[in-house]
Amino acid sequence: MIFSGFFYLADWLPPALRSVSLCQPYTQSYEMIRAGVFGTTITTYGDPAYTTFVLAILTLFGLWLMRESRKYIVIE
């Protein structure tokens, strides 16, 4: 929960740490929510295209893992 971006703004972080933090899609999600709530009163960093792309890849990977795990599940 600490690394999710829920408890801090990306603007509060030093630039080097901010770029690392913004590689995580959930941090960007919180930044986009803050941008919608507070508007231009605070500086936010969020990229909807990056977030959508990363979450789509993670979803496809999760679906593939579920498909592979069905081989080991037996329902009687």
PDB file of N, CA and C in Angstrom:
ATOM      1  N   MET A   1       0.820  -1.186   0.000  1.00  0.00           N
ATOM      2  CA  MET A   1       0.000   0.000   0.000  1.00  0.00           C
ATOM      3  C   MET A   1       0.871   1.260   0.000  1.00  0.00           C
ATOM      4  N   ILE A   2       2.019   1.160   0.605  1.00  0.00           N
ATOM      5  CA  ILE A   2       2.889   2.333   0.667  1.00  0.00           C
ATOM      6  C   ILE A   2       3.366   2.738  -0.723  1.00  0.00           C
ATOM      7  N   PHE A   3       3.638   1.770  -1.578  1.00  0.00           N
ATOM      8  CA  PHE A   3       4.178   2.060  -2.898  1.00  0.00           C
ATOM      9  C   PHE A   3       3.100   2.338  -3.939  1.00  0.00           C
ATOM     10  N   SER A   4       1.841   2.311  -3.554  1.00  0.00           N
ATOM     11  CA  SER A   4       0.759   2.440  -4.526  1.00  0.00           C
ATOM     12  C   SER A   4       0.541   3.865  -5.009  1.00  0.00           C
ATOM     13  N   GLY A   5       0.994   4.850  -4.265  1.00  0.00           N
ATOM     14  CA  GLY A   5       0.734   6.228  -4.643  1.00  0.00           C
ATOM     15  C   GLY A   5      -0.496   6.793  -3.976  1.00  0.00           C
ATOM     16  N   PHE A   6      -1.108   6.030  -3.103  1.00  0.00           N
ATOM     17  CA  PHE A   6      -2.311   6.485  -2.415  1.00  0.00           C
ATOM     18  C   PHE A   6      -1.984   7.526  -1.355  1.00  0.00           C
ATOM     19  N   PHE A   7      -0.855   7.374  -0.687  1.00  0.00           N
ATOM     20  CA  PHE A   7      -0.519   8.243   0.433  1.00  0.00           C
ATOM     21  C   PHE A   7       0.329   9.447   0.055  1.00  0.00           C
ATOM     22  N   TYR A   8       0.759   9.570  -1.176  1.00  0.00           N
ATOM     23  CA  TYR A   8       1.632  10.680  -1.563  1.00  0.00           C
ATOM     24  C   TYR A   8       1.336  11.110  -2.993  1.00  0.00           C
ATOM     25  N   LEU A   9       1.656  12.341  -3.290  1.00  0.00           N
ATOM     26  CA  LEU A   9       1.572  12.845  -4.656  1.00  0.00           C
ATOM     27  C   LEU A   9       2.903  12.586  -5.349  1.00  0.00           C
ATOM     28  N   ALA A  10       2.861  12.321  -6.614  1.00  0.00           N
ATOM     29  CA  ALA A  10       4.101  12.127  -7.369  1.00  0.00           C
ATOM     30  C   ALA A  10       4.899  13.434  -7.418  1.00  0.00           C
ATOM     31  N   ASP A  11       4.227  14.545  -7.292  1.00  0.00           N
ATOM     32  CA  ASP A  11       4.888  15.848  -7.316  1.00  0.00           C
ATOM     33  C   ASP A  11       5.781  16.047  -6.091  1.00  0.00           C
ATOM     34  N   TRP A  12       5.489  15.366  -5.005  1.00  0.00           N
ATOM     35  CA  TRP A  12       6.287  15.490  -3.783  1.00  0.00           C
ATOM     36  C   TRP A  12       7.616  14.757  -3.882  1.00  0.00           C
ATOM     37  N   LEU A  13       7.736  13.819  -4.806  1.00  0.00           N
ATOM     38  CA  LEU A  13       8.935  12.985  -4.923  1.00  0.00           C
ATOM     39  C   LEU A  13      10.015  13.697  -5.730  1.00  0.00           C
ATOM     40  N   PRO A  14      11.294  13.385  -5.444  1.00  0.00           N
ATOM     41  CA  PRO A  14      12.368  13.898  -6.301  1.00  0.00           C
ATOM     42  C   PRO A  14      12.209  13.349  -7.718  1.00  0.00           C
ATOM     43  N   PRO A  15      12.673  14.082  -8.722  1.00  0.00           N
ATOM     44  CA  PRO A  15      12.457  13.652 -10.117  1.00  0.00           C
ATOM     45  C   PRO A  15      12.927  12.233 -10.423  1.00  0.00           C
ATOM     46  N   ALA A  16      14.048  11.802  -9.874  1.00  0.00           N
ATOM     47  CA  ALA A  16      14.535  10.448 -10.157  1.00  0.00           C
ATOM     48  C   ALA A  16      13.597   9.397  -9.574  1.00  0.00           C
ATOM     49  N   LEU A  17      13.155   9.602  -8.356  1.00  0.00           N
ATOM     50  CA  LEU A  17      12.241   8.659  -7.721  1.00  0.00           C
ATOM     51  C   LEU A  17      10.852   8.734  -8.344  1.00  0.00           C
ATOM     52  N   ARG A  18      10.464   9.920  -8.812  1.00  0.00           N
ATOM     53  CA  ARG A  18       9.168  10.085  -9.466  1.00  0.00           C
ATOM     54  C   ARG A  18       9.095   9.255 -10.742  1.00  0.00           C
ATOM     55  N   SER A  19      10.163   9.241 -11.536  1.00  0.00           N
ATOM     56  CA  SER A  19      10.139   8.476 -12.782  1.00  0.00           C
ATOM     57  C   SER A  19      10.042   6.981 -12.503  1.00  0.00           C
ATOM     58  N   VAL A  20      10.674   6.514 -11.427  1.00  0.00           N
ATOM     59  CA  VAL A  20      10.564   5.102 -11.052  1.00  0.00           C
ATOM     60  C   VAL A  20       9.158   4.800 -10.550  1.00  0.00           C
ATOM     61  N   SER A  21       8.615   5.699  -9.763  1.00  0.00           N
ATOM     62  CA  SER A  21       7.278   5.502  -9.204  1.00  0.00           C
ATOM     63  C   SER A  21       6.215   5.482 -10.295  1.00  0.00           C
ATOM     64  N   LEU A  22       6.382   6.290 -11.319  1.00  0.00           N
ATOM     65  CA  LEU A  22       5.378   6.371 -12.378  1.00  0.00           C
ATOM     66  C   LEU A  22       5.446   5.208 -13.363  1.00  0.00           C
ATOM     67  N   CYS A  23       6.393   4.298 -13.179  1.00  0.00           N
ATOM     68  CA  CYS A  23       6.410   3.067 -13.990  1.00  0.00           C
ATOM     69  C   CYS A  23       5.337   2.099 -13.537  1.00  0.00           C
ATOM     70  N   GLN A  24       4.802   2.312 -12.341  1.00  0.00           N
ATOM     71  CA  GLN A  24       3.765   1.445 -11.800  1.00  0.00           C
ATOM     72  C   GLN A  24       2.396   1.987 -12.233  1.00  0.00           C
ATOM     73  N   PRO A  25       1.560   1.150 -12.841  1.00  0.00           N
ATOM     74  CA  PRO A  25       0.282   1.666 -13.351  1.00  0.00           C
ATOM     75  C   PRO A  25      -0.668   2.134 -12.256  1.00  0.00           C
ATOM     76  N   TYR A  26      -0.615   1.555 -11.071  1.00  0.00           N
ATOM     77  CA  TYR A  26      -1.543   1.991 -10.031  1.00  0.00           C
ATOM     78  C   TYR A  26      -1.179   3.374  -9.504  1.00  0.00           C
ATOM     79  N   THR A  27       0.101   3.749  -9.510  1.00  0.00           N
ATOM     80  CA  THR A  27       0.473   5.112  -9.125  1.00  0.00           C
ATOM     81  C   THR A  27      -0.094   6.100 -10.131  1.00  0.00           C
ATOM     82  N   GLN A  28      -0.019   5.754 -11.395  1.00  0.00           N
ATOM     83  CA  GLN A  28      -0.573   6.639 -12.414  1.00  0.00           C
ATOM     84  C   GLN A  28      -2.095   6.722 -12.307  1.00  0.00           C
ATOM     85  N   SER A  29      -2.719   5.638 -11.918  1.00  0.00           N
ATOM     86  CA  SER A  29      -4.176   5.660 -11.747  1.00  0.00           C
ATOM     87  C   SER A  29      -4.576   6.645 -10.658  1.00  0.00           C
ATOM     88  N   TYR A  30      -3.871   6.606  -9.533  1.00  0.00           N
ATOM     89  CA  TYR A  30      -4.173   7.556  -8.458  1.00  0.00           C
ATOM     90  C   TYR A  30      -3.910   8.991  -8.896  1.00  0.00           C
ATOM     91  N   GLU A  31      -2.868   9.190  -9.681  1.00  0.00           N
ATOM     92  CA  GLU A  31      -2.589  10.537 -10.170  1.00  0.00           C
ATOM     93  C   GLU A  31      -3.703  11.032 -11.092  1.00  0.00           C
ATOM     94  N   MET A  32      -4.236  10.166 -11.932  1.00  0.00           N
ATOM     95  CA  MET A  32      -5.328  10.576 -12.825  1.00  0.00           C
ATOM     96  C   MET A  32      -6.609  10.854 -12.043  1.00  0.00           C
ATOM     97  N   ILE A  33      -6.852  10.088 -10.991  1.00  0.00           N
ATOM     98  CA  ILE A  33      -8.016  10.354 -10.141  1.00  0.00           C
ATOM     99  C   ILE A  33      -7.862  11.713  -9.466  1.00  0.00           C
ATOM    100  N   ARG A  34      -6.673  11.993  -8.960  1.00  0.00           N
ATOM    101  CA  ARG A  34      -6.433  13.299  -8.326  1.00  0.00           C
ATOM    102  C   ARG A  34      -6.611  14.442  -9.322  1.00  0.00           C
ATOM    103  N   ALA A  35      -6.177  14.230 -10.560  1.00  0.00           N
ATOM    104  CA  ALA A  35      -6.341  15.264 -11.588  1.00  0.00           C
ATOM    105  C   ALA A  35      -7.814  15.536 -11.844  1.00  0.00           C
ATOM    106  N   GLY A  36      -8.637  14.498 -11.804  1.00  0.00           N
ATOM    107  CA  GLY A  36     -10.068  14.682 -12.001  1.00  0.00           C
ATOM    108  C   GLY A  36     -10.731  15.367 -10.826  1.00  0.00           C
ATOM    109  N   VAL A  37     -10.248  15.094  -9.617  1.00  0.00           N
ATOM    110  CA  VAL A  37     -10.862  15.682  -8.426  1.00  0.00           C
ATOM    111  C   VAL A  37     -10.402  17.117  -8.210  1.00  0.00           C
ATOM    112  N   PHE A  38      -9.089  17.350  -8.289  1.00  0.00           N
ATOM    113  CA  PHE A  38      -8.535  18.658  -7.941  1.00  0.00           C
ATOM    114  C   PHE A  38      -8.296  19.563  -9.132  1.00  0.00           C
ATOM    115  N   GLY A  39      -8.354  19.034 -10.339  1.00  0.00           N
ATOM    116  CA  GLY A  39      -8.169  19.861 -11.526  1.00  0.00           C
ATOM    117  C   GLY A  39      -6.768  20.412 -11.637  1.00  0.00           C
ATOM    118  N   THR A  40      -6.671  21.698 -11.940  1.00  0.00           N
ATOM    119  CA  THR A  40      -5.367  22.324 -12.140  1.00  0.00           C
ATOM    120  C   THR A  40      -4.795  22.928 -10.865  1.00  0.00           C
ATOM    121  N   THR A  41      -5.428  22.703  -9.727  1.00  0.00           N
ATOM    122  CA  THR A  41      -4.908  23.269  -8.482  1.00  0.00           C
ATOM    123  C   THR A  41      -3.656  22.546  -7.988  1.00  0.00           C
ATOM    124  N   ILE A  42      -3.428  21.305  -8.443  1.00  0.00           N
ATOM    125  CA  ILE A  42      -2.212  20.579  -8.103  1.00  0.00           C
ATOM    126  C   ILE A  42      -1.591  20.048  -9.391  1.00  0.00           C
ATOM    127  N   THR A  43      -0.305  19.776  -9.336  1.00  0.00           N
ATOM    128  CA  THR A  43       0.391  19.200 -10.483  1.00  0.00           C
ATOM    129  C   THR A  43       0.306  17.687 -10.384  1.00  0.00           C
ATOM    130  N   THR A  44      -0.214  17.065 -11.429  1.00  0.00           N
ATOM    131  CA  THR A  44      -0.329  15.608 -11.442  1.00  0.00           C
ATOM    132  C   THR A  44       0.414  15.051 -12.644  1.00  0.00           C
ATOM    133  N   TYR A  45       0.816  13.808 -12.508  1.00  0.00           N
ATOM    134  CA  TYR A  45       1.524  13.108 -13.569  1.00  0.00           C
ATOM    135  C   TYR A  45       0.775  11.808 -13.835  1.00  0.00           C
ATOM    136  N   GLY A  46       0.155  11.720 -14.971  1.00  0.00           N
ATOM    137  CA  GLY A  46      -0.573  10.504 -15.314  1.00  0.00           C
ATOM    138  C   GLY A  46      -0.666  10.376 -16.816  1.00  0.00           C
ATOM    139  N   ASP A  47      -0.461   9.191 -17.313  1.00  0.00           N
ATOM    140  CA  ASP A  47      -0.514   8.944 -18.743  1.00  0.00           C
ATOM    141  C   ASP A  47      -1.533   7.833 -19.004  1.00  0.00           C
ATOM    142  N   PRO A  48      -2.735   8.177 -19.463  1.00  0.00           N
ATOM    143  CA  PRO A  48      -3.760   7.153 -19.685  1.00  0.00           C
ATOM    144  C   PRO A  48      -3.348   6.096 -20.706  1.00  0.00           C
ATOM    145  N   ALA A  49      -2.604   6.479 -21.724  1.00  0.00           N
ATOM    146  CA  ALA A  49      -2.194   5.504 -22.741  1.00  0.00           C
ATOM    147  C   ALA A  49      -1.238   4.475 -22.152  1.00  0.00           C
ATOM    148  N   TYR A  50      -0.272   4.923 -21.375  1.00  0.00           N
ATOM    149  CA  TYR A  50       0.677   3.998 -20.736  1.00  0.00           C
ATOM    150  C   TYR A  50      -0.044   3.066 -19.775  1.00  0.00           C
ATOM    151  N   THR A  51      -0.924   3.634 -18.953  1.00  0.00           N
ATOM    152  CA  THR A  51      -1.654   2.831 -17.976  1.00  0.00           C
ATOM    153  C   THR A  51      -2.524   1.788 -18.666  1.00  0.00           C
ATOM    154  N   THR A  52      -3.223   2.185 -19.708  1.00  0.00           N
ATOM    155  CA  THR A  52      -4.073   1.255 -20.452  1.00  0.00           C
ATOM    156  C   THR A  52      -3.250   0.135 -21.079  1.00  0.00           C
ATOM    157  N   PHE A  53      -2.116   0.485 -21.671  1.00  0.00           N
ATOM    158  CA  PHE A  53      -1.266  -0.511 -22.318  1.00  0.00           C
ATOM    159  C   PHE A  53      -0.730  -1.523 -21.297  1.00  0.00           C
ATOM    160  N   VAL A  54      -0.189  -1.038 -20.183  1.00  0.00           N
ATOM    161  CA  VAL A  54       0.390  -1.936 -19.183  1.00  0.00           C
ATOM    162  C   VAL A  54      -0.684  -2.825 -18.574  1.00  0.00           C
ATOM    163  N   LEU A  55      -1.844  -2.261 -18.251  1.00  0.00           N
ATOM    164  CA  LEU A  55      -2.901  -3.075 -17.660  1.00  0.00           C
ATOM    165  C   LEU A  55      -3.473  -4.080 -18.655  1.00  0.00           C
ATOM    166  N   ALA A  56      -3.504  -3.729 -19.935  1.00  0.00           N
ATOM    167  CA  ALA A  56      -3.955  -4.693 -20.949  1.00  0.00           C
ATOM    168  C   ALA A  56      -2.978  -5.862 -21.052  1.00  0.00           C
ATOM    169  N   ILE A  57      -1.691  -5.574 -21.023  1.00  0.00           N
ATOM    170  CA  ILE A  57      -0.684  -6.642 -21.065  1.00  0.00           C
ATOM    171  C   ILE A  57      -0.796  -7.526 -19.831  1.00  0.00           C
ATOM    172  N   LEU A  58      -0.949  -6.924 -18.651  1.00  0.00           N
ATOM    173  CA  LEU A  58      -1.081  -7.710 -17.425  1.00  0.00           C
ATOM    174  C   LEU A  58      -2.358  -8.550 -17.433  1.00  0.00           C
ATOM    175  N   THR A  59      -3.437  -8.023 -18.001  1.00  0.00           N
ATOM    176  CA  THR A  59      -4.675  -8.786 -18.097  1.00  0.00           C
ATOM    177  C   THR A  59      -4.510  -9.986 -19.019  1.00  0.00           C
ATOM    178  N   LEU A  60      -3.890  -9.772 -20.166  1.00  0.00           N
ATOM    179  CA  LEU A  60      -3.654 -10.886 -21.088  1.00  0.00           C
ATOM    180  C   LEU A  60      -2.746 -11.938 -20.461  1.00  0.00           C
ATOM    181  N   PHE A  61      -1.732 -11.519 -19.741  1.00  0.00           N
ATOM    182  CA  PHE A  61      -0.848 -12.453 -19.059  1.00  0.00           C
ATOM    183  C   PHE A  61      -1.608 -13.251 -18.000  1.00  0.00           C
ATOM    184  N   GLY A  62      -2.472 -12.577 -17.250  1.00  0.00           N
ATOM    185  CA  GLY A  62      -3.281 -13.266 -16.245  1.00  0.00           C
ATOM    186  C   GLY A  62      -4.252 -14.251 -16.864  1.00  0.00           C
ATOM    187  N   LEU A  63      -4.862 -13.895 -17.981  1.00  0.00           N
ATOM    188  CA  LEU A  63      -5.764 -14.813 -18.663  1.00  0.00           C
ATOM    189  C   LEU A  63      -5.015 -16.032 -19.198  1.00  0.00           C
ATOM    190  N   TRP A  64      -3.804 -15.818 -19.707  1.00  0.00           N
ATOM    191  CA  TRP A  64      -2.992 -16.924 -20.176  1.00  0.00           C
ATOM    192  C   TRP A  64      -2.629 -17.862 -19.025  1.00  0.00           C
ATOM    193  N   LEU A  65      -2.268 -17.287 -17.868  1.00  0.00           N
ATOM    194  CA  LEU A  65      -1.951 -18.111 -16.707  1.00  0.00           C
ATOM    195  C   LEU A  65      -3.166 -18.921 -16.247  1.00  0.00           C
ATOM    196  N   MET A  66      -4.345 -18.317 -16.298  1.00  0.00           N
ATOM    197  CA  MET A  66      -5.561 -19.050 -15.922  1.00  0.00           C
ATOM    198  C   MET A  66      -5.805 -20.207 -16.885  1.00  0.00           C
ATOM    199  N   ARG A  67      -5.589 -19.970 -18.157  1.00  0.00           N
ATOM    200  CA  ARG A  67      -5.773 -21.028 -19.147  1.00  0.00           C
ATOM    201  C   ARG A  67      -4.800 -22.175 -18.904  1.00  0.00           C
ATOM    202  N   GLU A  68      -3.570 -21.839 -18.578  1.00  0.00           N
ATOM    203  CA  GLU A  68      -2.568 -22.871 -18.312  1.00  0.00           C
ATOM    204  C   GLU A  68      -2.872 -23.636 -17.024  1.00  0.00           C
ATOM    205  N   SER A  69      -3.435 -22.960 -16.036  1.00  0.00           N
ATOM    206  CA  SER A  69      -3.709 -23.627 -14.755  1.00  0.00           C
ATOM    207  C   SER A  69      -4.898 -24.589 -14.841  1.00  0.00           C
ATOM    208  N   ARG A  70      -5.731 -24.456 -15.857  1.00  0.00           N
ATOM    209  CA  ARG A  70      -6.880 -25.359 -16.006  1.00  0.00           C
ATOM    210  C   ARG A  70      -6.447 -26.801 -16.247  1.00  0.00           C
ATOM    211  N   LYS A  71      -5.244 -26.990 -16.725  1.00  0.00           N
ATOM    212  CA  LYS A  71      -4.745 -28.336 -16.958  1.00  0.00           C
ATOM    213  C   LYS A  71      -4.595 -29.119 -15.644  1.00  0.00           C
ATOM    214  N   TYR A  72      -4.398 -28.401 -14.555  1.00  0.00           N
ATOM    215  CA  TYR A  72      -4.138 -29.047 -13.274  1.00  0.00           C
ATOM    216  C   TYR A  72      -5.350 -29.082 -12.343  1.00  0.00           C
ATOM    217  N   ILE A  73      -6.483 -28.594 -12.784  1.00  0.00           N
ATOM    218  CA  ILE A  73      -7.696 -28.560 -11.971  1.00  0.00           C
ATOM    219  C   ILE A  73      -8.611 -29.692 -12.412  1.00  0.00           C
ATOM    220  N   VAL A  74      -9.043 -30.483 -11.461  1.00  0.00           N
ATOM    221  CA  VAL A  74      -9.940 -31.601 -11.754  1.00  0.00           C
ATOM    222  C   VAL A  74     -11.235 -31.359 -10.987  1.00  0.00           C
ATOM    223  N   ILE A  75     -12.350 -31.303 -11.696  1.00  0.00           N
ATOM    224  CA  ILE A  75     -13.670 -31.131 -11.069  1.00  0.00           C
ATOM    225  C   ILE A  75     -14.436 -32.427 -11.258  1.00  0.00           C
ATOM    226  N   GLU A  76     -14.814 -33.013 -10.161  1.00  0.00           N
ATOM    227  CA  GLU A  76     -15.534 -34.299 -10.236  1.00  0.00           C
ATOM    228  C   GLU A  76     -16.959 -34.154  -9.795  1.00  0.00           C
TER     229      GLU A  76
END
